[in-house]
Amino acid sequence: MLAKGSNMHHMRTWVVRLHGDEGWERVVAALGPEDAATVRSVVSVAWYPFSTQHALLRTIDRVLGTGDGELARVIGRYEADQDLTIVHRIFLRMANPAFVLEKAGDYWSRFYEAGTWIVTRGEGGTSARGELRDIEPVDELFCLYLEAYIFRMFELVGAKNVRGTHSRCRCRGAEACVFEGRWD
């Protein structure tokens, strides 16, 4: 499976903003040689192995964090901020936040070459459930990153008091990763 370089580019931008070029060099030095060569020359519009994105996220979390996955969440929120422009936010505020997840399939394909989203809205228009299927390789930190990204997108389009769970995970043997969100 391939992922667009824009995600790794955003990760690099986040690292440099908070930890400087030295922090970025520490992260790259801790990667394996092949992944290090890839991330040094990443281009936002090019496609790269999904496993390299996983390796970069894990290495950032280990080198600059505590290795508990929390930086994956922080980076997921940061990337949602970067990806959803002001124009998108204004337009999407006119729709229900569940619309964001419903359009995830189209949006997803901008960044990943594989994966299928099945989305359902809850009654009352204050919840949504999304199932992500057909992605390989799976990675727990990527799931934390994606959960934070999705729920941040809800906030960016006007959802208040967002609460969410990643109730089922491919990493724990489920057929799909399931993300469920509620808001006021």
N, C-alpha and C. Protein backbone atom coordinates (compact mmCIF):
# COMPACT_ATOMS: atom_id res chain seq x y z
N MET A 1 0.85 -1.18 0.00
CA MET A 1 0.00 0.00 0.00
C MET A 1 0.89 1.24 0.00
N LEU A 2 0.42 2.26 -0.69
CA LEU A 2 1.17 3.51 -0.79
C LEU A 2 0.42 4.65 -0.11
N ALA A 3 1.19 5.62 0.39
CA ALA A 3 0.63 6.81 1.03
C ALA A 3 1.26 8.04 0.39
N LYS A 4 0.49 9.10 0.28
CA LYS A 4 0.98 10.35 -0.28
C LYS A 4 2.04 10.95 0.64
N GLY A 5 3.03 11.55 0.06
CA GLY A 5 4.11 12.16 0.83
C GLY A 5 3.69 13.33 1.69
N SER A 6 2.52 13.90 1.42
CA SER A 6 2.07 15.06 2.20
C SER A 6 1.99 14.75 3.69
N ASN A 7 1.62 13.53 4.04
CA ASN A 7 1.54 13.18 5.46
C ASN A 7 2.91 13.22 6.12
N MET A 8 3.91 12.65 5.46
CA MET A 8 5.26 12.67 6.03
C MET A 8 5.83 14.09 6.01
N HIS A 9 5.46 14.86 5.00
CA HIS A 9 5.88 16.26 4.95
C HIS A 9 5.33 17.03 6.15
N HIS A 10 4.04 16.81 6.47
CA HIS A 10 3.45 17.46 7.65
C HIS A 10 4.13 17.01 8.94
N MET A 11 4.49 15.73 9.01
CA MET A 11 5.20 15.23 10.19
C MET A 11 6.53 15.95 10.34
N ARG A 12 7.24 16.10 9.25
CA ARG A 12 8.52 16.81 9.29
C ARG A 12 8.31 18.26 9.73
N THR A 13 7.32 18.93 9.17
CA THR A 13 7.03 20.32 9.53
C THR A 13 6.74 20.43 11.02
N TRP A 14 5.94 19.50 11.55
CA TRP A 14 5.61 19.52 12.98
C TRP A 14 6.88 19.36 13.82
N VAL A 15 7.72 18.40 13.45
CA VAL A 15 8.96 18.16 14.20
C VAL A 15 9.84 19.40 14.18
N VAL A 16 10.06 19.98 13.01
CA VAL A 16 10.96 21.14 12.90
C VAL A 16 10.40 22.34 13.66
N ARG A 17 9.09 22.56 13.61
CA ARG A 17 8.50 23.68 14.35
C ARG A 17 8.71 23.56 15.85
N LEU A 18 8.60 22.35 16.36
CA LEU A 18 8.68 22.16 17.82
C LEU A 18 10.06 21.75 18.33
N HIS A 19 10.85 21.10 17.48
CA HIS A 19 12.12 20.55 17.94
C HIS A 19 13.31 20.99 17.09
N GLY A 20 13.05 21.83 16.10
CA GLY A 20 14.11 22.35 15.26
C GLY A 20 14.67 21.32 14.30
N ASP A 21 15.60 21.79 13.47
CA ASP A 21 16.25 20.89 12.51
C ASP A 21 17.00 19.77 13.22
N GLU A 22 17.54 20.08 14.40
CA GLU A 22 18.26 19.06 15.17
C GLU A 22 17.33 17.91 15.56
N GLY A 23 16.11 18.25 15.97
CA GLY A 23 15.13 17.22 16.31
C GLY A 23 14.80 16.34 15.11
N TRP A 24 14.65 16.99 13.95
CA TRP A 24 14.37 16.22 12.73
C TRP A 24 15.53 15.28 12.41
N GLU A 25 16.75 15.77 12.52
CA GLU A 25 17.92 14.93 12.23
C GLU A 25 18.01 13.76 13.21
N ARG A 26 17.64 13.97 14.46
CA ARG A 26 17.62 12.87 15.43
C ARG A 26 16.62 11.80 15.01
N VAL A 27 15.45 12.23 14.55
CA VAL A 27 14.43 11.29 14.10
C VAL A 27 14.93 10.51 12.89
N VAL A 28 15.44 11.21 11.89
CA VAL A 28 15.91 10.54 10.66
C VAL A 28 17.04 9.57 10.98
N ALA A 29 17.95 9.96 11.88
CA ALA A 29 19.07 9.09 12.24
C ALA A 29 18.61 7.81 12.93
N ALA A 30 17.44 7.85 13.56
CA ALA A 30 16.93 6.68 14.26
C ALA A 30 16.13 5.73 13.35
N LEU A 31 15.85 6.17 12.13
CA LEU A 31 15.16 5.31 11.16
C LEU A 31 16.13 4.32 10.54
N GLY A 32 15.59 3.27 9.96
CA GLY A 32 16.42 2.36 9.17
C GLY A 32 16.92 3.09 7.93
N PRO A 33 18.00 2.60 7.31
CA PRO A 33 18.61 3.30 6.17
C PRO A 33 17.66 3.58 5.01
N GLU A 34 16.83 2.61 4.64
CA GLU A 34 15.92 2.80 3.51
C GLU A 34 14.85 3.84 3.83
N ASP A 35 14.25 3.75 5.02
CA ASP A 35 13.24 4.73 5.41
C ASP A 35 13.86 6.12 5.55
N ALA A 36 15.06 6.19 6.10
CA ALA A 36 15.74 7.48 6.25
C ALA A 36 15.97 8.14 4.90
N ALA A 37 16.41 7.36 3.93
CA ALA A 37 16.64 7.91 2.58
C ALA A 37 15.33 8.42 1.98
N THR A 38 14.26 7.70 2.21
CA THR A 38 12.95 8.11 1.69
C THR A 38 12.49 9.41 2.33
N VAL A 39 12.51 9.49 3.66
CA VAL A 39 11.97 10.69 4.30
C VAL A 39 12.84 11.92 4.07
N ARG A 40 14.11 11.73 3.84
CA ARG A 40 14.99 12.88 3.53
C ARG A 40 14.60 13.55 2.22
N SER A 41 14.05 12.78 1.29
CA SER A 41 13.74 13.34 -0.03
C SER A 41 12.24 13.34 -0.33
N VAL A 42 11.40 13.25 0.70
CA VAL A 42 9.96 13.15 0.49
C VAL A 42 9.41 14.39 -0.24
N VAL A 43 8.50 14.14 -1.16
CA VAL A 43 7.80 15.18 -1.91
C VAL A 43 6.32 15.00 -1.64
N SER A 44 5.62 16.07 -1.32
CA SER A 44 4.21 15.98 -0.91
C SER A 44 3.32 15.27 -1.91
N VAL A 45 3.56 15.45 -3.20
CA VAL A 45 2.66 14.89 -4.21
C VAL A 45 3.03 13.49 -4.67
N ALA A 46 4.14 12.96 -4.20
CA ALA A 46 4.58 11.62 -4.61
C ALA A 46 4.01 10.57 -3.67
N TRP A 47 4.06 9.31 -4.11
CA TRP A 47 3.56 8.19 -3.32
C TRP A 47 4.73 7.39 -2.76
N TYR A 48 4.57 6.93 -1.51
CA TYR A 48 5.63 6.20 -0.80
C TYR A 48 5.03 5.00 -0.08
N PRO A 49 5.86 4.04 0.30
CA PRO A 49 5.33 2.89 1.05
C PRO A 49 4.66 3.34 2.36
N PHE A 50 3.47 2.80 2.59
CA PHE A 50 2.72 3.10 3.81
C PHE A 50 3.56 2.72 5.03
N SER A 51 4.35 1.66 4.90
CA SER A 51 5.19 1.21 6.01
C SER A 51 6.22 2.28 6.40
N THR A 52 6.66 3.10 5.45
CA THR A 52 7.60 4.18 5.77
C THR A 52 6.91 5.25 6.61
N GLN A 53 5.65 5.55 6.28
CA GLN A 53 4.90 6.51 7.11
C GLN A 53 4.75 5.97 8.52
N HIS A 54 4.44 4.68 8.65
CA HIS A 54 4.34 4.07 9.98
C HIS A 54 5.67 4.18 10.73
N ALA A 55 6.76 3.86 10.05
CA ALA A 55 8.08 3.91 10.69
C ALA A 55 8.41 5.33 11.15
N LEU A 56 8.08 6.32 10.33
CA LEU A 56 8.36 7.71 10.71
C LEU A 56 7.54 8.11 11.93
N LEU A 57 6.26 7.78 11.95
CA LEU A 57 5.41 8.13 13.08
C LEU A 57 5.90 7.45 14.36
N ARG A 58 6.24 6.18 14.27
CA ARG A 58 6.75 5.44 15.44
C ARG A 58 8.07 6.03 15.93
N THR A 59 8.92 6.40 15.01
CA THR A 59 10.23 6.94 15.39
C THR A 59 10.09 8.31 16.02
N ILE A 60 9.23 9.16 15.49
CA ILE A 60 8.98 10.46 16.12
C ILE A 60 8.50 10.25 17.54
N ASP A 61 7.55 9.34 17.73
CA ASP A 61 6.99 9.09 19.06
C ASP A 61 8.05 8.56 20.02
N ARG A 62 8.93 7.71 19.53
CA ARG A 62 9.97 7.12 20.39
C ARG A 62 11.09 8.11 20.69
N VAL A 63 11.54 8.86 19.67
CA VAL A 63 12.70 9.75 19.83
C VAL A 63 12.32 11.05 20.53
N LEU A 64 11.18 11.62 20.19
CA LEU A 64 10.80 12.93 20.73
C LEU A 64 9.74 12.85 21.82
N GLY A 65 9.13 11.70 21.96
CA GLY A 65 8.11 11.51 22.99
C GLY A 65 8.55 10.45 23.97
N THR A 66 7.56 9.78 24.54
CA THR A 66 7.85 8.74 25.52
C THR A 66 7.63 7.34 24.98
N GLY A 67 7.23 7.26 23.70
CA GLY A 67 6.96 5.95 23.11
C GLY A 67 5.60 5.39 23.46
N ASP A 68 4.73 6.23 24.05
CA ASP A 68 3.40 5.77 24.46
C ASP A 68 2.32 6.02 23.42
N GLY A 69 2.67 6.60 22.29
CA GLY A 69 1.69 6.87 21.23
C GLY A 69 1.05 8.24 21.30
N GLU A 70 1.29 8.98 22.35
CA GLU A 70 0.64 10.28 22.50
C GLU A 70 1.02 11.25 21.39
N LEU A 71 2.26 11.22 20.94
CA LEU A 71 2.65 12.12 19.85
C LEU A 71 1.93 11.77 18.55
N ALA A 72 1.53 10.52 18.37
CA ALA A 72 0.75 10.15 17.19
C ALA A 72 -0.57 10.90 17.19
N ARG A 73 -1.18 11.03 18.36
CA ARG A 73 -2.43 11.80 18.47
C ARG A 73 -2.20 13.28 18.19
N VAL A 74 -1.14 13.82 18.76
CA VAL A 74 -0.82 15.24 18.56
C VAL A 74 -0.59 15.52 17.07
N ILE A 75 0.15 14.65 16.42
CA ILE A 75 0.45 14.84 15.00
C ILE A 75 -0.82 14.66 14.16
N GLY A 76 -1.68 13.73 14.52
CA GLY A 76 -2.95 13.56 13.81
C GLY A 76 -3.79 14.83 13.85
N ARG A 77 -3.88 15.45 15.02
CA ARG A 77 -4.63 16.71 15.14
C ARG A 77 -3.96 17.81 14.32
N TYR A 78 -2.65 17.88 14.39
CA TYR A 78 -1.91 18.89 13.63
C TYR A 78 -2.17 18.73 12.13
N GLU A 79 -2.12 17.51 11.65
CA GLU A 79 -2.32 17.29 10.22
C GLU A 79 -3.73 17.64 9.79
N ALA A 80 -4.73 17.37 10.62
CA ALA A 80 -6.09 17.79 10.28
C ALA A 80 -6.15 19.31 10.14
N ASP A 81 -5.48 20.02 11.05
CA ASP A 81 -5.42 21.48 10.95
C ASP A 81 -4.80 21.92 9.63
N GLN A 82 -3.77 21.22 9.19
CA GLN A 82 -3.08 21.58 7.95
C GLN A 82 -3.91 21.22 6.71
N ASP A 83 -4.59 20.09 6.75
CA ASP A 83 -5.31 19.60 5.58
C ASP A 83 -6.64 20.30 5.32
N LEU A 84 -7.31 20.70 6.38
CA LEU A 84 -8.63 21.32 6.22
C LEU A 84 -8.45 22.83 6.19
N THR A 85 -8.48 23.40 5.00
CA THR A 85 -8.26 24.84 4.84
C THR A 85 -9.41 25.64 5.42
N ILE A 86 -9.18 26.92 5.57
CA ILE A 86 -10.22 27.83 6.07
C ILE A 86 -11.46 27.75 5.18
N VAL A 87 -11.28 27.71 3.88
CA VAL A 87 -12.41 27.63 2.96
C VAL A 87 -13.21 26.35 3.20
N HIS A 88 -12.51 25.22 3.35
CA HIS A 88 -13.20 23.96 3.64
C HIS A 88 -13.98 24.08 4.94
N ARG A 89 -13.37 24.66 5.96
CA ARG A 89 -14.02 24.76 7.27
C ARG A 89 -15.30 25.57 7.19
N ILE A 90 -15.26 26.70 6.50
CA ILE A 90 -16.45 27.54 6.38
C ILE A 90 -17.55 26.78 5.63
N PHE A 91 -17.19 26.16 4.52
CA PHE A 91 -18.16 25.40 3.74
C PHE A 91 -18.75 24.26 4.56
N LEU A 92 -17.91 23.51 5.22
CA LEU A 92 -18.36 22.33 5.95
C LEU A 92 -19.14 22.66 7.21
N ARG A 93 -19.00 23.87 7.75
CA ARG A 93 -19.79 24.25 8.92
C ARG A 93 -21.28 24.32 8.58
N MET A 94 -21.59 24.45 7.29
CA MET A 94 -22.99 24.48 6.86
C MET A 94 -23.59 23.08 6.83
N ALA A 95 -22.76 22.07 6.91
CA ALA A 95 -23.22 20.68 6.89
C ALA A 95 -23.08 20.08 8.28
N ASN A 96 -23.69 18.94 8.48
CA ASN A 96 -23.55 18.20 9.72
C ASN A 96 -22.12 17.64 9.78
N PRO A 97 -21.48 17.64 10.97
CA PRO A 97 -20.13 17.08 11.05
C PRO A 97 -20.02 15.64 10.54
N ALA A 98 -21.11 14.89 10.58
CA ALA A 98 -21.08 13.52 10.05
C ALA A 98 -20.78 13.52 8.56
N PHE A 99 -21.12 14.61 7.89
CA PHE A 99 -20.83 14.74 6.46
C PHE A 99 -19.34 14.58 6.19
N VAL A 100 -18.52 15.09 7.10
CA VAL A 100 -17.06 14.97 6.96
C VAL A 100 -16.66 13.50 6.88
N LEU A 101 -17.19 12.71 7.78
CA LEU A 101 -16.85 11.28 7.78
C LEU A 101 -17.47 10.57 6.57
N GLU A 102 -18.68 11.00 6.19
CA GLU A 102 -19.31 10.39 5.02
C GLU A 102 -18.48 10.60 3.76
N LYS A 103 -17.82 11.73 3.68
CA LYS A 103 -16.98 12.03 2.52
C LYS A 103 -15.55 11.49 2.68
N ALA A 104 -15.33 10.76 3.76
CA ALA A 104 -13.99 10.26 4.05
C ALA A 104 -13.44 9.38 2.93
N GLY A 105 -14.29 8.62 2.27
CA GLY A 105 -13.82 7.76 1.18
C GLY A 105 -13.15 8.55 0.07
N ASP A 106 -13.80 9.65 -0.33
CA ASP A 106 -13.22 10.51 -1.36
C ASP A 106 -11.96 11.18 -0.84
N TYR A 107 -12.04 11.68 0.36
CA TYR A 107 -10.92 12.39 0.97
C TYR A 107 -9.74 11.44 1.19
N TRP A 108 -10.05 10.25 1.67
CA TRP A 108 -9.04 9.22 1.95
C TRP A 108 -8.20 8.92 0.72
N SER A 109 -8.84 8.81 -0.42
CA SER A 109 -8.12 8.41 -1.63
C SER A 109 -7.14 9.49 -2.11
N ARG A 110 -7.24 10.69 -1.57
CA ARG A 110 -6.24 11.72 -1.88
C ARG A 110 -4.90 11.40 -1.22
N PHE A 111 -4.93 10.61 -0.14
CA PHE A 111 -3.74 10.36 0.66
C PHE A 111 -3.28 8.91 0.67
N TYR A 112 -4.19 7.98 0.36
CA TYR A 112 -3.86 6.55 0.43
C TYR A 112 -4.42 5.84 -0.80
N GLU A 113 -3.63 4.89 -1.34
CA GLU A 113 -4.06 4.20 -2.55
C GLU A 113 -5.02 3.06 -2.28
N ALA A 114 -5.16 2.63 -1.04
CA ALA A 114 -6.05 1.53 -0.70
C ALA A 114 -6.83 1.89 0.56
N GLY A 115 -7.86 1.13 0.80
CA GLY A 115 -8.69 1.35 1.97
C GLY A 115 -10.09 1.77 1.56
N THR A 116 -11.08 1.20 2.25
CA THR A 116 -12.48 1.49 1.96
C THR A 116 -13.17 1.93 3.24
N TRP A 117 -13.89 3.03 3.16
CA TRP A 117 -14.66 3.54 4.30
C TRP A 117 -16.14 3.20 4.12
N ILE A 118 -16.76 2.71 5.20
CA ILE A 118 -18.21 2.52 5.27
C ILE A 118 -18.67 3.39 6.43
N VAL A 119 -19.52 4.36 6.14
CA VAL A 119 -19.91 5.36 7.14
C VAL A 119 -21.42 5.35 7.33
N THR A 120 -21.84 5.42 8.60
CA THR A 120 -23.26 5.55 8.93
C THR A 120 -23.43 6.68 9.93
N ARG A 121 -24.51 7.44 9.76
CA ARG A 121 -24.85 8.50 10.71
C ARG A 121 -25.76 7.93 11.78
N GLY A 122 -25.59 8.43 12.98
CA GLY A 122 -26.48 8.04 14.06
C GLY A 122 -27.75 8.87 14.01
N GLU A 123 -28.77 8.43 14.72
CA GLU A 123 -30.02 9.18 14.78
C GLU A 123 -29.79 10.51 15.48
N GLY A 124 -30.50 11.51 15.05
CA GLY A 124 -30.40 12.82 15.67
C GLY A 124 -29.30 13.70 15.10
N GLY A 125 -28.47 13.16 14.23
CA GLY A 125 -27.44 13.96 13.59
C GLY A 125 -26.29 14.38 14.48
N THR A 126 -26.11 13.70 15.61
CA THR A 126 -25.01 14.07 16.51
C THR A 126 -24.02 12.92 16.72
N SER A 127 -24.01 11.99 15.79
CA SER A 127 -23.03 10.91 15.89
C SER A 127 -22.81 10.31 14.50
N ALA A 128 -21.68 9.63 14.38
CA ALA A 128 -21.35 8.93 13.14
C ALA A 128 -20.42 7.78 13.48
N ARG A 129 -20.45 6.80 12.60
CA ARG A 129 -19.60 5.61 12.76
C ARG A 129 -18.92 5.35 11.43
N GLY A 130 -17.62 5.18 11.46
CA GLY A 130 -16.88 4.89 10.24
C GLY A 130 -16.07 3.62 10.39
N GLU A 131 -16.15 2.76 9.38
CA GLU A 131 -15.35 1.54 9.33
C GLU A 131 -14.33 1.68 8.22
N LEU A 132 -13.08 1.46 8.55
CA LEU A 132 -12.01 1.48 7.55
C LEU A 132 -11.56 0.04 7.32
N ARG A 133 -11.67 -0.38 6.06
CA ARG A 133 -11.31 -1.74 5.68
C ARG A 133 -10.21 -1.72 4.63
N ASP A 134 -9.58 -2.86 4.47
CA ASP A 134 -8.66 -3.10 3.34
C ASP A 134 -7.40 -2.24 3.37
N ILE A 135 -6.79 -2.09 4.54
CA ILE A 135 -5.50 -1.41 4.59
C ILE A 135 -4.45 -2.38 5.13
N GLU A 136 -3.28 -2.30 4.57
CA GLU A 136 -2.12 -3.09 4.99
C GLU A 136 -0.89 -2.24 4.76
N PRO A 137 0.07 -2.26 5.60
CA PRO A 137 0.07 -2.93 6.90
C PRO A 137 -0.71 -2.10 7.93
N VAL A 138 -1.15 -2.76 8.98
CA VAL A 138 -1.84 -2.06 10.07
C VAL A 138 -0.82 -1.70 11.14
N ASP A 139 -1.13 -0.65 11.89
CA ASP A 139 -0.19 -0.17 12.91
C ASP A 139 -0.99 0.56 13.98
N GLU A 140 -0.76 0.22 15.24
CA GLU A 140 -1.52 0.83 16.34
C GLU A 140 -1.32 2.33 16.43
N LEU A 141 -0.10 2.81 16.21
CA LEU A 141 0.12 4.26 16.29
C LEU A 141 -0.60 4.98 15.16
N PHE A 142 -0.67 4.36 13.99
CA PHE A 142 -1.43 4.97 12.90
C PHE A 142 -2.90 5.08 13.29
N CYS A 143 -3.43 4.08 13.97
CA CYS A 143 -4.83 4.14 14.42
C CYS A 143 -5.04 5.29 15.40
N LEU A 144 -4.10 5.51 16.32
CA LEU A 144 -4.19 6.65 17.24
C LEU A 144 -4.15 7.97 16.48
N TYR A 145 -3.25 8.04 15.52
CA TYR A 145 -3.11 9.23 14.66
C TYR A 145 -4.42 9.49 13.90
N LEU A 146 -4.98 8.44 13.30
CA LEU A 146 -6.19 8.59 12.50
C LEU A 146 -7.39 8.97 13.37
N GLU A 147 -7.49 8.37 14.54
CA GLU A 147 -8.57 8.71 15.47
C GLU A 147 -8.51 10.20 15.81
N ALA A 148 -7.34 10.69 16.15
CA ALA A 148 -7.18 12.11 16.50
C ALA A 148 -7.48 13.00 15.29
N TYR A 149 -7.05 12.58 14.12
CA TYR A 149 -7.29 13.33 12.88
C TYR A 149 -8.79 13.47 12.63
N ILE A 150 -9.52 12.37 12.70
CA ILE A 150 -10.96 12.37 12.43
C ILE A 150 -11.69 13.27 13.41
N PHE A 151 -11.42 13.09 14.70
CA PHE A 151 -12.17 13.85 15.69
C PHE A 151 -11.79 15.33 15.67
N ARG A 152 -10.56 15.65 15.29
CA ARG A 152 -10.18 17.06 15.10
C ARG A 152 -10.93 17.65 13.92
N MET A 153 -11.10 16.88 12.85
CA MET A 153 -11.88 17.38 11.71
C MET A 153 -13.30 17.72 12.14
N PHE A 154 -13.91 16.89 12.98
CA PHE A 154 -15.25 17.21 13.49
C PHE A 154 -15.24 18.57 14.18
N GLU A 155 -14.24 18.80 15.03
CA GLU A 155 -14.14 20.08 15.74
C GLU A 155 -13.97 21.24 14.76
N LEU A 156 -13.15 21.05 13.75
CA LEU A 156 -12.86 22.12 12.81
C LEU A 156 -14.08 22.54 12.00
N VAL A 157 -15.05 21.66 11.86
CA VAL A 157 -16.26 22.03 11.12
C VAL A 157 -17.42 22.36 12.04
N GLY A 158 -17.12 22.61 13.31
CA GLY A 158 -18.13 23.15 14.22
C GLY A 158 -18.70 22.22 15.26
N ALA A 159 -18.31 20.97 15.31
CA ALA A 159 -18.83 20.07 16.34
C ALA A 159 -18.29 20.50 17.70
N LYS A 160 -19.15 20.47 18.69
CA LYS A 160 -18.77 20.84 20.06
C LYS A 160 -18.75 19.59 20.94
N ASN A 161 -17.85 19.59 21.92
CA ASN A 161 -17.76 18.48 22.88
C ASN A 161 -17.66 17.12 22.18
N VAL A 162 -16.72 17.02 21.28
CA VAL A 162 -16.54 15.77 20.52
C VAL A 162 -16.01 14.68 21.45
N ARG A 163 -16.67 13.54 21.38
CA ARG A 163 -16.24 12.36 22.12
C ARG A 163 -16.15 11.22 21.12
N GLY A 164 -15.10 10.47 21.19
CA GLY A 164 -14.97 9.40 20.22
C GLY A 164 -14.21 8.21 20.74
N THR A 165 -14.40 7.12 20.04
CA THR A 165 -13.68 5.90 20.37
C THR A 165 -13.22 5.21 19.09
N HIS A 166 -12.21 4.43 19.25
CA HIS A 166 -11.74 3.52 18.19
C HIS A 166 -12.08 2.14 18.74
N SER A 167 -13.36 1.75 18.56
CA SER A 167 -13.92 0.61 19.28
C SER A 167 -13.44 -0.75 18.79
N ARG A 168 -13.08 -0.85 17.51
CA ARG A 168 -12.54 -2.10 16.99
C ARG A 168 -11.33 -1.76 16.14
N CYS A 169 -10.34 -2.66 16.16
CA CYS A 169 -9.09 -2.36 15.48
C CYS A 169 -8.55 -3.59 14.76
N ARG A 170 -8.07 -3.38 13.55
CA ARG A 170 -7.42 -4.45 12.80
C ARG A 170 -6.21 -4.98 13.55
N CYS A 171 -5.54 -4.11 14.30
CA CYS A 171 -4.36 -4.53 15.06
C CYS A 171 -4.71 -5.52 16.17
N ARG A 172 -5.98 -5.52 16.57
CA ARG A 172 -6.44 -6.44 17.62
C ARG A 172 -7.32 -7.56 17.03
N GLY A 173 -7.18 -7.79 15.71
CA GLY A 173 -7.86 -8.91 15.08
C GLY A 173 -9.22 -8.62 14.46
N ALA A 174 -9.72 -7.41 14.54
CA ALA A 174 -11.02 -7.09 13.95
C ALA A 174 -10.90 -7.04 12.42
N GLU A 175 -12.03 -7.20 11.74
CA GLU A 175 -12.04 -7.13 10.28
C GLU A 175 -11.83 -5.71 9.77
N ALA A 176 -12.19 -4.73 10.60
CA ALA A 176 -12.08 -3.33 10.20
C ALA A 176 -11.74 -2.49 11.42
N CYS A 177 -11.16 -1.34 11.17
CA CYS A 177 -11.00 -0.35 12.24
C CYS A 177 -12.30 0.44 12.29
N VAL A 178 -12.89 0.54 13.48
CA VAL A 178 -14.16 1.24 13.64
C VAL A 178 -13.94 2.45 14.54
N PHE A 179 -14.36 3.61 14.02
CA PHE A 179 -14.26 4.88 14.74
C PHE A 179 -15.68 5.39 14.95
N GLU A 180 -16.02 5.69 16.20
CA GLU A 180 -17.35 6.18 16.51
C GLU A 180 -17.22 7.52 17.21
N GLY A 181 -17.95 8.51 16.70
CA GLY A 181 -17.89 9.85 17.28
C GLY A 181 -19.26 10.38 17.64
N ARG A 182 -19.30 11.17 18.71
CA ARG A 182 -20.51 11.88 19.16
C ARG A 182 -20.13 13.32 19.44
N TRP A 183 -21.09 14.19 19.30
CA TRP A 183 -20.86 15.62 19.57
C TRP A 183 -22.18 16.26 19.93
N ASP A 184 -22.08 17.48 20.47
CA ASP A 184 -23.27 18.27 20.81
C ASP A 184 -23.57 19.23 19.68
